[in-house]
Amino acid sequence: HLLIGGVGMSGNSNFLNSLICGLVRQRSPDDVRFVLFDPKCVEFTDYYNLPHAAFQVITDDAQCMYALLSLVRETDRRLKIFARVLCHRIDDFNKRKSETEEDGVPDIWGFKADESADIQDTVPYIVFVIDEVAELVSRFGNDFIAPFKELMSKGRAAGIHVVTATGSVYEQTLPPPLMECFQSRIAFKTHTQAESLLLVNSPDADILSGPGDMLLYRQLGMRTDLVRMQSAWISPVDVESVVDEAGKKYPDVHPVEVVPGVV
């Protein structure tokens, strides 16, 4: 899970576009699917017909809440399926050998692996991209924070990951218990040293030099790591080209609309 923060025009949105397009070019919709939330209605417009998108780009807060709850349910569903075939994580599940299914070893749910004909061979990774998480925290409070934390705590094993950006790095909008769920954080230029400290445990993000200049903070087991890096640049023309190429390559795969009460 990844949290990205910084002032406007410092590189947040461009980094998200680089990340999405990089995965789209390297992976098929069978490998990775996206759930994209764009409350500003302008950042992800190029992805409305992206084959890799599970849903059409979400722009409504209430629809985002429905999508979040559907991902929590999908996490629980996947973990139960993994247990039925004696797998711990998504990579174990997707790479499991056919001999395992023939062994018929009983699992904790009382099934045998060879009785699990209803289980698909593989499941795709899902990347939940939120362009502005602070707005959801402010509007829904714990109704958002509780399922969001549940998704992050269990989602990794199920192959469901959260990538979110925010321009408001304050304890009121991103309380410490929520911040701790993000083991990787990126700070582009911040308004103040206090924002930088909250985001990457360093005061230096307020003196970064310009667009794309960033600090990457990572929790690596018992230690932490802070690296200054330069984000890649991707132009709107490049984004459009990547989406068009994906549409031609996977013409039969289309995102669906989020309908409250259905997802």
Protein backbone atom coordinates (compact mmCIF):
# COMPACT_ATOMS: atom_id res chain seq x y z
CA HIS A 1 0.00 0.00 0.00
CA LEU A 2 1.26 3.43 -0.96
CA LEU A 3 0.39 6.95 0.22
CA ILE A 4 1.41 9.97 -1.88
CA GLY A 5 1.30 13.55 -0.62
CA GLY A 6 2.31 16.99 -1.80
CA VAL A 7 1.11 20.39 -2.93
CA GLY A 8 -0.67 20.90 -6.23
CA MET A 9 1.46 20.68 -9.39
CA SER A 10 4.27 18.92 -7.51
CA GLY A 11 3.81 15.57 -9.27
CA ASN A 12 1.08 13.60 -7.45
CA SER A 13 -1.26 13.06 -10.38
CA ASN A 14 1.52 12.48 -12.88
CA PHE A 15 3.01 9.80 -10.63
CA LEU A 16 -0.37 8.03 -10.48
CA ASN A 17 -0.64 8.14 -14.27
CA SER A 18 2.89 6.73 -14.62
CA LEU A 19 2.07 3.91 -12.20
CA ILE A 20 -1.21 2.99 -13.90
CA CYS A 21 0.20 3.12 -17.44
CA GLY A 22 3.28 1.14 -16.45
CA LEU A 23 1.15 -1.70 -15.14
CA VAL A 24 -1.22 -1.54 -18.12
CA ARG A 25 1.67 -1.91 -20.58
CA GLN A 26 3.22 -4.82 -18.67
CA ARG A 27 0.15 -6.80 -17.57
CA SER A 28 -3.14 -8.03 -19.05
CA PRO A 29 -6.58 -7.53 -17.46
CA ASP A 30 -6.30 -11.16 -16.32
CA ASP A 31 -3.24 -10.15 -14.28
CA VAL A 32 -4.25 -6.78 -12.81
CA ARG A 33 -7.46 -4.76 -12.53
CA PHE A 34 -7.95 -1.19 -11.32
CA VAL A 35 -10.63 0.53 -9.27
CA LEU A 36 -10.14 4.28 -9.87
CA PHE A 37 -11.65 7.08 -7.77
CA ASP A 38 -11.37 10.60 -9.18
CA PRO A 39 -13.43 13.11 -7.13
CA LYS A 40 -12.13 16.05 -9.21
CA CYS A 41 -13.56 14.39 -12.34
CA VAL A 42 -10.55 15.47 -14.44
CA GLU A 43 -7.55 13.36 -13.40
CA PHE A 44 -8.58 9.93 -14.73
CA THR A 45 -10.79 10.87 -17.69
CA ASP A 46 -8.56 8.96 -20.10
CA TYR A 47 -9.29 5.67 -18.29
CA TYR A 48 -13.08 5.49 -18.75
CA ASN A 49 -12.74 2.72 -21.35
CA LEU A 50 -9.58 1.09 -19.98
CA PRO A 51 -9.95 -2.72 -20.25
CA HIS A 52 -7.97 -3.14 -17.02
CA ALA A 53 -10.53 -1.08 -15.05
CA ALA A 54 -12.97 -3.25 -13.12
CA PHE A 55 -15.43 -0.35 -12.93
CA GLN A 56 -15.82 2.84 -14.91
CA VAL A 57 -13.92 5.68 -13.27
CA ILE A 58 -15.72 6.55 -10.02
CA THR A 59 -16.33 10.25 -9.37
CA ASP A 60 -19.00 10.12 -6.65
CA ASP A 61 -18.10 9.71 -2.96
CA ALA A 62 -21.02 7.38 -2.24
CA GLN A 63 -20.12 5.15 -5.18
CA CYS A 64 -16.55 5.00 -3.87
CA MET A 65 -17.86 3.78 -0.52
CA TYR A 66 -19.80 1.00 -2.27
CA ALA A 67 -16.67 0.06 -4.23
CA LEU A 68 -14.63 0.00 -1.01
CA LEU A 69 -17.11 -2.32 0.70
CA SER A 70 -17.17 -4.59 -2.36
CA LEU A 71 -13.37 -4.87 -2.19
CA VAL A 72 -13.56 -5.81 1.51
CA ARG A 73 -16.04 -8.57 0.60
CA GLU A 74 -13.80 -9.69 -2.28
CA THR A 75 -10.83 -9.86 0.11
CA ASP A 76 -12.75 -12.18 2.47
CA ARG A 77 -13.98 -14.30 -0.45
CA ARG A 78 -10.47 -14.74 -1.82
CA LEU A 79 -8.91 -15.64 1.52
CA LYS A 80 -11.52 -18.36 2.08
CA ILE A 81 -10.85 -19.73 -1.42
CA PHE A 82 -7.09 -19.71 -0.77
CA ALA A 83 -7.65 -21.67 2.43
CA ARG A 84 -9.69 -24.30 0.58
CA VAL A 85 -6.70 -25.12 -1.64
CA LEU A 86 -4.16 -24.73 1.18
CA CYS A 87 -2.58 -21.50 -0.10
CA HIS A 88 -1.48 -18.56 2.02
CA ARG A 89 -1.28 -15.71 -0.49
CA ILE A 90 -2.30 -14.77 -4.03
CA ASP A 91 1.06 -15.71 -5.54
CA ASP A 92 0.83 -19.18 -3.97
CA PHE A 93 -2.72 -19.53 -5.30
CA ASN A 94 -1.92 -18.41 -8.85
CA LYS A 95 1.17 -20.62 -9.08
CA ARG A 96 -0.20 -23.71 -7.36
CA LYS A 97 0.57 -27.01 -9.10
CA SER A 98 -2.10 -29.29 -10.51
CA GLU A 99 -0.72 -32.16 -8.43
CA THR A 100 -1.88 -30.34 -5.30
CA GLU A 101 -5.46 -30.51 -6.51
CA GLU A 102 -5.11 -34.25 -7.14
CA ASP A 103 -3.89 -34.96 -3.61
CA GLY A 104 -7.33 -34.35 -2.09
CA VAL A 105 -5.89 -33.13 1.21
CA PRO A 106 -8.69 -31.97 3.58
CA ASP A 107 -8.42 -28.31 4.53
CA ILE A 108 -9.73 -26.29 7.46
CA TRP A 109 -13.07 -25.69 5.74
CA GLY A 110 -13.80 -29.40 5.44
CA PHE A 111 -13.32 -29.53 1.66
CA LYS A 112 -10.83 -31.53 -0.35
CA ALA A 113 -8.85 -29.68 -2.99
CA ASP A 114 -10.08 -31.99 -5.76
CA GLU A 115 -13.66 -31.15 -4.76
CA SER A 116 -13.08 -27.47 -5.48
CA ALA A 117 -14.10 -27.43 -9.13
CA ASP A 118 -15.88 -24.11 -8.60
CA ILE A 119 -12.58 -22.34 -7.84
CA GLN A 120 -10.99 -20.39 -10.69
CA ASP A 121 -7.42 -21.14 -11.71
CA THR A 122 -6.10 -17.63 -11.02
CA VAL A 123 -7.35 -14.28 -9.73
CA PRO A 124 -6.04 -10.87 -10.80
CA TYR A 125 -4.31 -8.40 -8.56
CA ILE A 126 -6.54 -5.40 -7.84
CA VAL A 127 -5.15 -1.87 -7.38
CA PHE A 128 -7.52 0.58 -5.68
CA VAL A 129 -6.36 4.08 -6.70
CA ILE A 130 -7.82 7.04 -4.79
CA ASP A 131 -6.84 10.48 -6.04
CA GLU A 132 -7.88 12.30 -2.83
CA VAL A 133 -8.32 10.23 0.30
CA ALA A 134 -8.62 13.16 2.73
CA GLU A 135 -12.01 14.10 1.27
CA LEU A 136 -13.40 10.65 2.07
CA VAL A 137 -12.02 10.75 5.61
CA SER A 138 -13.55 14.18 6.19
CA ARG A 139 -16.97 13.26 4.79
CA PHE A 140 -17.49 9.73 6.14
CA GLY A 141 -15.18 9.57 9.18
CA ASN A 142 -15.01 6.14 10.79
CA ASP A 143 -17.58 4.76 8.34
CA PHE A 144 -14.78 5.06 5.77
CA ILE A 145 -11.74 4.55 7.99
CA ALA A 146 -12.87 1.22 9.50
CA PRO A 147 -13.42 -0.71 6.21
CA PHE A 148 -10.45 1.06 4.65
CA LYS A 149 -8.15 -0.16 7.41
CA GLU A 150 -9.67 -3.65 7.17
CA LEU A 151 -8.96 -3.71 3.44
CA MET A 152 -5.35 -2.64 3.98
CA SER A 153 -4.74 -5.07 6.84
CA LYS A 154 -5.99 -8.13 4.92
CA GLY A 155 -5.75 -7.03 1.30
CA ARG A 156 -2.07 -7.76 0.64
CA ALA A 157 -2.46 -11.50 1.01
CA ALA A 158 -5.51 -11.41 -1.25
CA GLY A 159 -3.71 -9.38 -3.93
CA ILE A 160 -5.69 -6.20 -3.32
CA HIS A 161 -3.57 -3.08 -2.88
CA VAL A 162 -4.30 0.56 -2.11
CA VAL A 163 -2.57 3.52 -3.76
CA THR A 164 -3.82 6.91 -2.66
CA ALA A 165 -2.81 10.54 -3.03
CA THR A 166 -3.67 13.60 -0.97
CA GLY A 167 -2.85 17.28 -0.91
CA SER A 168 -3.92 17.59 2.75
CA VAL A 169 -1.38 15.94 5.03
CA TYR A 170 -2.80 16.67 8.48
CA GLU A 171 -3.54 14.48 11.50
CA GLN A 172 -7.19 15.54 11.29
CA THR A 173 -7.57 14.07 7.80
CA LEU A 174 -4.96 11.32 8.05
CA PRO A 175 -4.86 10.16 11.70
CA PRO A 176 -1.75 8.22 12.82
CA PRO A 177 -3.55 4.82 13.01
CA LEU A 178 -4.43 5.23 9.34
CA MET A 179 -0.97 6.47 8.36
CA GLU A 180 0.61 3.39 9.95
CA CYS A 181 -1.19 1.16 7.44
CA PHE A 182 0.93 2.62 4.62
CA GLN A 183 4.33 0.95 4.69
CA SER A 184 5.43 2.99 1.68
CA ARG A 185 4.91 6.76 1.39
CA ILE A 186 5.98 9.36 -1.13
CA ALA A 187 6.32 13.06 -0.39
CA PHE A 188 6.47 15.55 -3.19
CA LYS A 189 6.95 19.18 -2.15
CA THR A 190 4.90 19.97 0.97
CA HIS A 191 3.71 23.29 2.38
CA THR A 192 5.42 22.82 5.74
CA GLN A 193 7.97 20.73 7.60
CA ALA A 194 5.16 19.43 9.83
CA GLU A 195 3.39 17.92 6.81
CA SER A 196 6.67 16.40 5.64
CA LEU A 197 7.35 14.87 9.07
CA LEU A 198 3.89 13.33 9.23
CA LEU A 199 4.22 11.88 5.74
CA VAL A 200 7.81 10.57 5.55
CA ASN A 201 9.28 11.11 9.05
CA SER A 202 11.61 13.79 7.63
CA PRO A 203 11.26 17.60 7.51
CA ASP A 204 12.95 17.91 4.12
CA ALA A 205 10.01 17.62 1.70
CA ASP A 206 9.21 21.34 2.04
CA ILE A 207 12.49 22.21 0.28
CA LEU A 208 12.21 19.84 -2.68
CA SER A 209 13.09 21.62 -5.88
CA GLY A 210 10.22 21.13 -8.31
CA PRO A 211 7.77 18.82 -10.13
CA GLY A 212 8.67 15.15 -9.74
CA ASP A 213 11.28 15.71 -7.02
CA MET A 214 10.24 13.35 -4.23
CA LEU A 215 11.18 11.47 -1.08
CA LEU A 216 10.33 7.76 -0.87
CA TYR A 217 9.87 6.39 2.67
CA ARG A 218 9.67 2.63 3.16
CA GLN A 219 9.30 0.35 6.17
CA LEU A 220 11.60 -2.61 5.58
CA GLY A 221 10.99 -5.07 8.39
CA MET A 222 12.47 -3.57 11.56
CA ARG A 223 14.15 -0.65 9.77
CA THR A 224 13.08 2.25 7.59
CA ASP A 225 14.55 3.69 4.41
CA LEU A 226 14.34 7.22 2.93
CA VAL A 227 15.49 7.88 -0.63
CA ARG A 228 15.33 11.04 -2.71
CA MET A 229 14.16 10.26 -6.25
CA GLN A 230 12.84 11.85 -9.43
CA SER A 231 9.43 10.69 -10.63
CA ALA A 232 9.04 9.77 -14.29
CA TRP A 233 7.09 12.15 -16.53
CA ILE A 234 4.24 10.90 -18.70
CA SER A 235 2.37 13.27 -21.00
CA PRO A 236 -1.40 13.25 -21.65
CA VAL A 237 -0.62 12.08 -25.19
CA ASP A 238 1.34 9.13 -23.78
CA VAL A 239 -1.53 8.19 -21.45
CA GLU A 240 -4.02 8.30 -24.33
CA SER A 241 -1.71 6.15 -26.44
CA VAL A 242 -1.36 3.50 -23.71
CA VAL A 243 -5.13 3.31 -23.19
CA ASP A 244 -5.82 3.12 -26.94
CA GLU A 245 -3.25 0.33 -27.32
CA ALA A 246 -4.85 -1.62 -24.45
CA GLY A 247 -8.31 -1.16 -25.97
CA LYS A 248 -7.14 -2.62 -29.29
CA LYS A 249 -5.34 -5.49 -27.58
CA TYR A 250 -8.30 -6.44 -25.34
CA PRO A 251 -11.40 -5.32 -27.31
CA ASP A 252 -13.79 -7.64 -25.47
CA VAL A 253 -12.97 -6.43 -21.95
CA HIS A 254 -14.90 -3.41 -20.69
CA PRO A 255 -15.34 -1.76 -17.27
CA VAL A 256 -18.81 -1.80 -15.72
CA GLU A 257 -20.65 1.00 -13.97
CA VAL A 258 -20.73 1.10 -10.18
CA VAL A 259 -24.38 0.78 -9.14
CA PRO A 260 -24.99 1.36 -5.40
CA GLY A 261 -26.33 -1.81 -3.81
CA VAL A 262 -25.05 -4.04 -6.62
CA VAL A 263 -21.25 -4.10 -6.33
